[in-house]
């Protein structure tokens, strides 16, 4: 009797664990909620430009990048354009042109995810697939 009860308990716990696969992440087809509403035009490497609202990088409203060995965060409100360069391992080189006129050469994770709303659906793209981002 004890063995049967233990077996049922193990099966029940295993089934519960299988159902937890999607927990903790963003639900499919949604855009992360942000306090600041950012508009952006994202051009992918195939030349398609998509106009987005509620734009974010991994759910945040700033560019998360490396400048040399240091980590740098720049709010999207201060950026005019970001141009994506070559993919090197797990990083992509980017050139960020700030609205003040300053140009910075940075790197971002190639798997960083950008999100936005098209008005007719949710949009997401990895940094390695982006050609440029313009902030009107």
Protein backbone atom coordinates (compact mmCIF):
# COMPACT_ATOMS: atom_id res chain seq x y z
CA UNK A 1 0.00 0.00 0.00
CA UNK A 2 2.83 2.39 0.89
CA UNK A 3 4.57 1.76 -2.44
CA UNK A 4 1.42 2.57 -4.39
CA UNK A 5 0.92 5.82 -2.49
CA UNK A 6 4.56 6.85 -3.01
CA UNK A 7 4.29 6.03 -6.73
CA UNK A 8 1.14 8.16 -7.10
CA UNK A 9 2.80 11.03 -5.24
CA UNK A 10 5.85 10.89 -7.54
CA UNK A 11 3.64 10.83 -10.65
CA UNK A 12 1.59 13.81 -9.37
CA UNK A 13 4.72 15.87 -8.61
CA UNK A 14 6.21 15.02 -12.00
CA UNK A 15 3.05 16.13 -13.80
CA UNK A 16 3.00 19.42 -11.90
CA UNK A 17 6.63 20.06 -12.80
CA UNK A 18 5.94 19.44 -16.49
CA UNK A 19 3.26 22.13 -16.48
CA UNK A 20 5.72 24.74 -15.12
CA UNK A 21 7.70 25.08 -18.37
CA UNK A 22 6.40 28.54 -19.26
CA UNK A 23 6.47 30.08 -15.79
CA UNK A 24 8.57 33.16 -15.20
CA UNK A 25 8.77 34.28 -18.82
CA UNK A 26 6.74 36.62 -20.98
CA UNK A 27 3.55 34.94 -22.28
CA UNK A 28 3.56 34.25 -26.01
CA UNK A 29 2.06 37.08 -28.06
CA UNK A 30 2.45 39.81 -25.44
CA UNK A 31 4.68 42.85 -25.02
CA UNK A 32 6.31 43.62 -21.65
CA UNK A 33 4.59 46.45 -19.79
CA UNK A 34 6.84 49.47 -19.27
CA UNK A 35 6.30 52.74 -17.38
CA UNK A 36 7.71 54.80 -20.26
CA UNK A 37 6.15 54.51 -23.72
CA UNK A 38 8.88 54.38 -26.37
CA UNK A 39 8.28 54.56 -30.14
CA UNK A 40 10.85 52.96 -32.46
CA UNK A 41 11.32 51.93 -36.07
CA UNK A 42 13.17 48.60 -36.21
CA UNK A 43 14.79 47.54 -39.48
CA UNK A 44 15.81 43.89 -39.65
CA UNK A 45 18.74 42.48 -41.63
CA UNK A 46 16.43 41.58 -44.53
CA UNK A 47 15.44 45.25 -44.95
CA UNK A 48 11.95 45.14 -43.43
CA UNK A 49 11.11 48.12 -41.17
CA UNK A 50 8.50 47.74 -38.43
CA UNK A 51 7.07 50.71 -36.52
CA UNK A 52 6.65 49.85 -32.84
CA UNK A 53 5.17 51.34 -29.70
CA UNK A 54 5.86 50.07 -26.17
CA UNK A 55 9.41 49.35 -27.36
CA UNK A 56 11.82 47.70 -24.91
CA UNK A 57 15.02 45.67 -24.68
CA UNK A 58 14.44 42.61 -22.53
CA UNK A 59 11.50 44.49 -20.99
CA UNK A 60 13.59 47.58 -20.13
CA UNK A 61 13.45 51.05 -21.69
CA UNK A 62 17.19 51.51 -22.04
CA UNK A 63 20.03 50.12 -24.13
CA UNK A 64 22.00 47.62 -22.08
CA UNK A 65 25.50 47.45 -23.59
CA UNK A 66 29.21 47.20 -22.93
CA UNK A 67 31.61 50.05 -23.53
CA UNK A 68 34.99 48.34 -23.43
CA UNK A 69 34.98 46.31 -20.24
CA UNK A 70 32.34 48.45 -18.54
CA UNK A 71 28.56 48.02 -18.55
CA UNK A 72 26.58 51.03 -19.84
CA UNK A 73 22.85 51.73 -19.81
CA UNK A 74 21.44 54.53 -21.97
CA UNK A 75 17.72 55.41 -21.80
CA UNK A 76 16.13 55.13 -25.24
CA UNK A 77 14.87 58.74 -24.88
CA UNK A 78 18.50 59.89 -25.31
CA UNK A 79 19.20 57.82 -28.44
CA UNK A 80 18.52 58.88 -32.04
CA UNK A 81 19.65 55.73 -33.85
CA UNK A 82 21.36 52.43 -33.16
CA UNK A 83 23.14 50.74 -36.06
CA UNK A 84 24.03 47.07 -35.65
CA UNK A 85 27.29 45.73 -37.05
CA UNK A 86 29.04 42.40 -37.15
CA UNK A 87 28.13 39.43 -35.05
CA UNK A 88 31.11 38.10 -33.09
CA UNK A 89 30.42 35.05 -30.97
CA UNK A 90 27.73 35.98 -28.47
CA UNK A 91 27.97 39.73 -29.11
CA UNK A 92 26.95 42.26 -31.75
CA UNK A 93 28.82 45.52 -32.28
CA UNK A 94 26.57 48.60 -32.33
CA UNK A 95 26.97 52.28 -33.00
CA UNK A 96 24.65 54.41 -30.88
CA UNK A 97 24.09 57.99 -32.03
CA UNK A 98 22.71 60.02 -29.17
CA UNK A 99 20.32 62.93 -29.75
CA UNK A 100 23.06 65.19 -28.33
CA UNK A 101 25.27 64.25 -31.30
CA UNK A 102 27.64 61.95 -29.37
CA UNK A 103 28.45 58.67 -31.15
CA UNK A 104 29.39 55.58 -29.12
CA UNK A 105 30.75 52.23 -30.26
CA UNK A 106 29.33 49.52 -28.01
CA UNK A 107 28.52 45.81 -27.93
CA UNK A 108 25.30 44.05 -26.94
CA UNK A 109 24.43 40.41 -26.34
CA UNK A 110 23.47 38.73 -29.63
CA UNK A 111 20.54 37.04 -27.88
CA UNK A 112 19.15 40.25 -26.33
CA UNK A 113 15.47 40.49 -27.18
CA UNK A 114 13.67 43.63 -28.37
CA UNK A 115 9.89 43.86 -27.96
CA UNK A 116 7.19 46.18 -29.22
CA UNK A 117 3.59 46.48 -30.27
CA UNK A 118 2.72 46.92 -33.95
CA UNK A 119 -0.86 47.94 -33.24
CA UNK A 120 -2.02 44.65 -34.76
CA UNK A 121 0.12 42.28 -32.71
CA UNK A 122 3.19 41.75 -30.58
CA UNK A 123 6.65 41.92 -32.17
CA UNK A 124 9.94 40.52 -30.93
CA UNK A 125 13.37 40.23 -32.49
CA UNK A 126 16.83 39.26 -31.30
CA UNK A 127 19.64 41.82 -31.55
CA UNK A 128 21.59 39.58 -33.95
CA UNK A 129 18.73 39.97 -36.47
CA UNK A 130 18.48 43.78 -36.25
CA UNK A 131 20.06 46.15 -38.81
CA UNK A 132 19.05 49.44 -37.16
CA UNK A 133 16.68 51.06 -34.69
CA UNK A 134 15.52 54.66 -35.06
CA UNK A 135 13.81 56.62 -32.30
CA UNK A 136 11.62 59.39 -33.82
